[in-house]
Amino acid sequence: MKTIKNIGLKLAVIMAVFMAVPAVGQAQVKKGYANVDWQFNVPLSNKFASTASGWGMNFEGGYFITDNIGVGLFLAYSTNNEYFGQKTLNISETAAMTTDQQHSLFQLPFGASFRYRFVPESQFIPYLSLKLGPEYSEMSSYYNVYKSHDYDWGFYISPEVGITMYPTQDKSVGFHVALYYSYATNKGNVLTYSLDGLNNFGFRLGLAF
């Protein structure tokens, strides 16, 4: 958690520096937007694969129907892994297994996004957004040469706060930083482990177009 706090502090400093730089002249108001991001995901209340991971990406694009309100589509994915040392698992009333395991939790949400941006004419544009849609998830446990897995579909919801930063007034290419929380209704059972709902938070760093 100390590492996560340090990362959050660095992101806040970077955002403050960008926002402290005054824009020269009057920047244009863009109607379309797109983001391509690297995603760092932290599972919450998850005893299957709880290790934070940077194995993820986010893709999003949309259109502002007013200067402030935009709608679009998104697709994201993340994989979290955790190693479990050797232990004995009672997998049924008559069977037990002693092994170590590598757990992997894959999540793939996609759907509609809604965005409200502030000061759309600026080169430094903070925003709030909400993402909704289905999520595919897969729980996998690897042990010896075997694999046990389960997959499920659920409903995904994710509020997000972020900022897009354009170094030039034409806003052709810029930078994107966001913090998010997500919840999905997915469930799963693998060996003696079970999940009922997936909670995550994290951040995204990428390019804005």
Protein backbone atom coordinates (compact mmCIF):
# COMPACT_ATOMS: atom_id res chain seq x y z
CA MET A 1 0.00 0.00 0.00
CA LYS A 2 2.95 2.35 0.59
CA THR A 3 4.00 1.91 -3.04
CA ILE A 4 0.46 2.72 -4.22
CA LYS A 5 0.40 5.87 -2.05
CA ASN A 6 3.75 6.98 -3.49
CA ILE A 7 2.46 6.47 -7.04
CA GLY A 8 -0.68 8.46 -6.24
CA LEU A 9 1.41 11.31 -4.79
CA LYS A 10 3.61 11.44 -7.89
CA LEU A 11 0.53 11.53 -10.15
CA ALA A 12 -0.93 14.40 -8.13
CA VAL A 13 2.34 16.37 -8.44
CA ILE A 14 2.48 15.80 -12.22
CA MET A 15 -1.13 16.94 -12.64
CA ALA A 16 -0.49 20.04 -10.50
CA VAL A 17 2.56 20.98 -12.58
CA PHE A 18 0.64 20.67 -15.84
CA MET A 19 -2.28 22.71 -14.52
CA ALA A 20 0.08 25.41 -13.24
CA VAL A 21 1.40 26.08 -16.74
CA PRO A 22 -0.73 28.82 -18.36
CA ALA A 23 -2.23 28.17 -21.78
CA VAL A 24 -1.21 30.62 -24.50
CA GLY A 25 -4.17 32.10 -26.41
CA GLN A 26 -7.56 30.45 -26.80
CA ALA A 27 -7.55 26.69 -27.48
CA GLN A 28 -10.22 25.10 -29.65
CA VAL A 29 -13.15 23.08 -28.30
CA LYS A 30 -12.86 19.48 -29.52
CA LYS A 31 -15.99 17.46 -30.25
CA GLY A 32 -14.47 13.99 -30.51
CA TYR A 33 -12.17 12.30 -27.99
CA ALA A 34 -10.19 9.10 -27.72
CA ASN A 35 -7.84 7.62 -25.10
CA VAL A 36 -5.35 4.76 -25.25
CA ASP A 37 -4.08 3.96 -21.74
CA TRP A 38 -1.88 1.68 -19.73
CA GLN A 39 -3.91 0.53 -16.72
CA PHE A 40 -2.74 -0.32 -13.19
CA ASN A 41 -5.39 -2.36 -11.35
CA VAL A 42 -5.71 -3.06 -7.60
CA PRO A 43 -8.26 -5.73 -6.50
CA LEU A 44 -10.28 -5.10 -3.32
CA SER A 45 -11.80 -7.77 -1.04
CA ASN A 46 -10.46 -10.46 -3.32
CA LYS A 47 -8.84 -13.56 -1.78
CA PHE A 48 -8.26 -15.31 -5.09
CA ALA A 49 -5.76 -12.98 -6.79
CA SER A 50 -5.26 -9.84 -4.71
CA THR A 51 -1.87 -8.61 -5.97
CA ALA A 52 -1.88 -5.23 -7.75
CA SER A 53 -0.85 -5.44 -11.38
CA GLY A 54 0.06 -3.30 -14.37
CA TRP A 55 -1.03 -5.96 -16.88
CA GLY A 56 -3.89 -3.97 -18.36
CA MET A 57 -5.01 -1.51 -21.03
CA ASN A 58 -7.97 0.83 -21.61
CA PHE A 59 -9.39 2.01 -24.94
CA GLU A 60 -12.10 4.65 -25.16
CA GLY A 61 -13.60 6.97 -27.75
CA GLY A 62 -16.62 9.22 -27.97
CA TYR A 63 -18.25 12.46 -29.02
CA PHE A 64 -19.36 15.54 -27.07
CA ILE A 65 -23.01 16.23 -27.87
CA THR A 66 -22.63 19.56 -26.01
CA ASP A 67 -19.46 21.40 -25.00
CA ASN A 68 -19.53 19.56 -21.66
CA ILE A 69 -21.43 16.27 -22.09
CA GLY A 70 -20.00 13.38 -24.07
CA VAL A 71 -21.00 9.79 -24.81
CA GLY A 72 -18.83 6.99 -26.13
CA LEU A 73 -17.68 3.39 -26.02
CA PHE A 74 -14.90 1.70 -24.05
CA LEU A 75 -13.06 -1.59 -23.74
CA ALA A 76 -10.55 -2.45 -21.01
CA TYR A 77 -8.79 -5.49 -19.67
CA SER A 78 -6.63 -6.43 -16.69
CA THR A 79 -4.95 -9.52 -15.29
CA ASN A 80 -4.04 -9.94 -11.62
CA ASN A 81 -1.88 -12.82 -10.40
CA GLU A 82 -0.97 -14.24 -7.00
CA TYR A 83 1.24 -17.15 -5.95
CA PHE A 84 0.11 -19.50 -3.17
CA GLY A 85 2.64 -21.75 -1.48
CA GLN A 86 2.15 -25.45 -0.93
CA LYS A 87 -0.94 -26.34 1.11
CA THR A 88 -3.49 -29.12 1.37
CA LEU A 89 -6.88 -28.46 -0.21
CA ASN A 90 -9.93 -30.53 0.71
CA ILE A 91 -11.59 -30.45 -2.68
CA SER A 92 -14.38 -32.88 -1.73
CA GLU A 93 -15.50 -35.05 1.17
CA THR A 94 -13.32 -37.91 -0.07
CA ALA A 95 -10.45 -36.15 -1.87
CA ALA A 96 -7.62 -33.83 -0.90
CA MET A 97 -4.71 -32.33 -2.81
CA THR A 98 -1.38 -30.91 -1.66
CA THR A 99 0.21 -28.45 -4.09
CA ASP A 100 1.33 -24.90 -4.67
CA GLN A 101 -0.68 -22.71 -7.07
CA GLN A 102 -0.47 -19.71 -9.36
CA HIS A 103 -3.77 -17.85 -9.46
CA SER A 104 -4.79 -15.58 -12.32
CA LEU A 105 -7.87 -13.35 -12.56
CA PHE A 106 -8.67 -11.87 -15.98
CA GLN A 107 -11.31 -9.14 -16.42
CA LEU A 108 -12.66 -7.72 -19.69
CA PRO A 109 -15.34 -5.01 -19.34
CA PHE A 110 -16.75 -3.07 -22.30
CA GLY A 111 -19.76 -0.92 -23.08
CA ALA A 112 -20.95 2.70 -22.93
CA SER A 113 -19.22 5.65 -21.30
CA PHE A 114 -20.62 9.03 -20.25
CA ARG A 115 -18.32 11.97 -19.65
CA TYR A 116 -18.73 15.47 -18.22
CA ARG A 117 -15.78 17.77 -18.85
CA PHE A 118 -14.99 21.10 -17.24
CA VAL A 119 -13.48 24.14 -19.05
CA PRO A 120 -13.67 22.48 -22.51
CA GLU A 121 -11.86 25.41 -24.18
CA SER A 122 -8.76 24.91 -22.00
CA GLN A 123 -5.71 22.81 -22.83
CA PHE A 124 -6.03 21.19 -19.37
CA ILE A 125 -9.47 19.61 -19.10
CA PRO A 126 -10.59 17.78 -15.93
CA TYR A 127 -13.61 15.51 -16.21
CA LEU A 128 -15.89 13.03 -14.47
CA SER A 129 -17.12 9.90 -16.22
CA LEU A 130 -19.18 6.76 -15.71
CA LYS A 131 -18.72 3.47 -17.56
CA LEU A 132 -21.45 0.81 -17.82
CA GLY A 133 -21.66 -2.53 -19.57
CA PRO A 134 -21.05 -6.28 -19.43
CA GLU A 135 -17.84 -7.84 -18.08
CA TYR A 136 -16.28 -11.19 -18.88
CA SER A 137 -14.06 -12.65 -16.16
CA GLU A 138 -12.01 -15.81 -15.82
CA MET A 139 -10.54 -17.34 -12.66
CA SER A 140 -7.65 -19.75 -13.25
CA SER A 141 -5.50 -21.83 -10.89
CA TYR A 142 -2.33 -23.43 -12.27
CA TYR A 143 -0.77 -26.30 -10.31
CA ASN A 144 1.77 -28.85 -11.49
CA VAL A 145 0.80 -29.43 -15.15
CA TYR A 146 -2.91 -28.87 -14.49
CA LYS A 147 -5.28 -25.94 -14.66
CA SER A 148 -8.67 -25.39 -13.02
CA HIS A 149 -10.75 -22.45 -14.15
CA ASP A 150 -14.18 -20.87 -14.12
CA TYR A 151 -15.62 -18.00 -16.14
CA ASP A 152 -18.65 -15.77 -15.82
CA TRP A 153 -20.45 -12.77 -17.30
CA GLY A 154 -21.63 -9.92 -15.11
CA PHE A 155 -22.64 -6.26 -15.06
CA TYR A 156 -19.88 -3.65 -14.75
CA ILE A 157 -20.03 -0.07 -13.42
CA SER A 158 -17.08 2.28 -12.97
CA PRO A 159 -16.93 5.96 -11.94
CA GLU A 160 -13.77 7.80 -13.00
CA VAL A 161 -12.09 11.17 -12.47
CA GLY A 162 -9.38 12.32 -14.82
CA ILE A 163 -7.72 15.06 -16.83
CA THR A 164 -6.64 15.42 -20.44
CA MET A 165 -3.65 17.68 -21.08
CA TYR A 166 -2.79 19.05 -24.53
CA PRO A 167 0.63 20.70 -25.03
CA THR A 168 -0.54 22.52 -28.20
CA GLN A 169 -3.61 24.62 -28.96
CA ASP A 170 -4.76 22.42 -31.84
CA LYS A 171 -5.20 19.54 -29.36
CA SER A 172 -4.09 16.93 -31.88
CA VAL A 173 -2.28 14.73 -29.33
CA GLY A 174 -2.12 15.04 -25.56
CA PHE A 175 -1.79 13.11 -22.32
CA HIS A 176 -4.42 11.41 -20.18
CA VAL A 177 -4.41 10.62 -16.45
CA ALA A 178 -7.35 9.03 -14.59
CA LEU A 179 -8.27 7.40 -11.29
CA TYR A 180 -11.11 4.87 -11.22
CA TYR A 181 -13.16 2.51 -9.05
CA SER A 182 -15.04 -0.43 -10.55
CA TYR A 183 -17.52 -3.06 -9.45
CA ALA A 184 -18.73 -6.09 -11.40
CA THR A 185 -21.32 -8.70 -10.40
CA ASN A 186 -19.25 -11.64 -11.70
CA LYS A 187 -19.03 -14.84 -9.66
CA GLY A 188 -16.80 -17.88 -9.82
CA ASN A 189 -15.61 -21.05 -8.06
CA VAL A 190 -12.24 -22.76 -8.50
CA LEU A 191 -11.14 -25.64 -6.24
CA THR A 192 -11.85 -24.34 -2.72
CA TYR A 193 -11.90 -20.66 -3.73
CA SER A 194 -14.92 -18.55 -4.62
CA LEU A 195 -15.70 -14.99 -5.72
CA ASP A 196 -18.98 -13.11 -5.48
CA GLY A 197 -18.52 -9.67 -7.02
CA LEU A 198 -15.31 -7.98 -8.16
CA ASN A 199 -14.15 -4.66 -6.66
CA ASN A 200 -11.16 -2.77 -8.05
CA PHE A 201 -9.52 0.63 -8.07
CA GLY A 202 -6.55 1.92 -10.01
CA PHE A 203 -5.20 4.51 -12.39
CA ARG A 204 -4.65 4.99 -16.11
CA LEU A 205 -1.87 6.78 -17.98
CA GLY A 206 -1.93 7.27 -21.70
CA LEU A 207 -2.44 9.36 -24.79
CA ALA A 208 -5.40 11.56 -25.66
CA PHE A 209 -6.50 12.22 -29.24
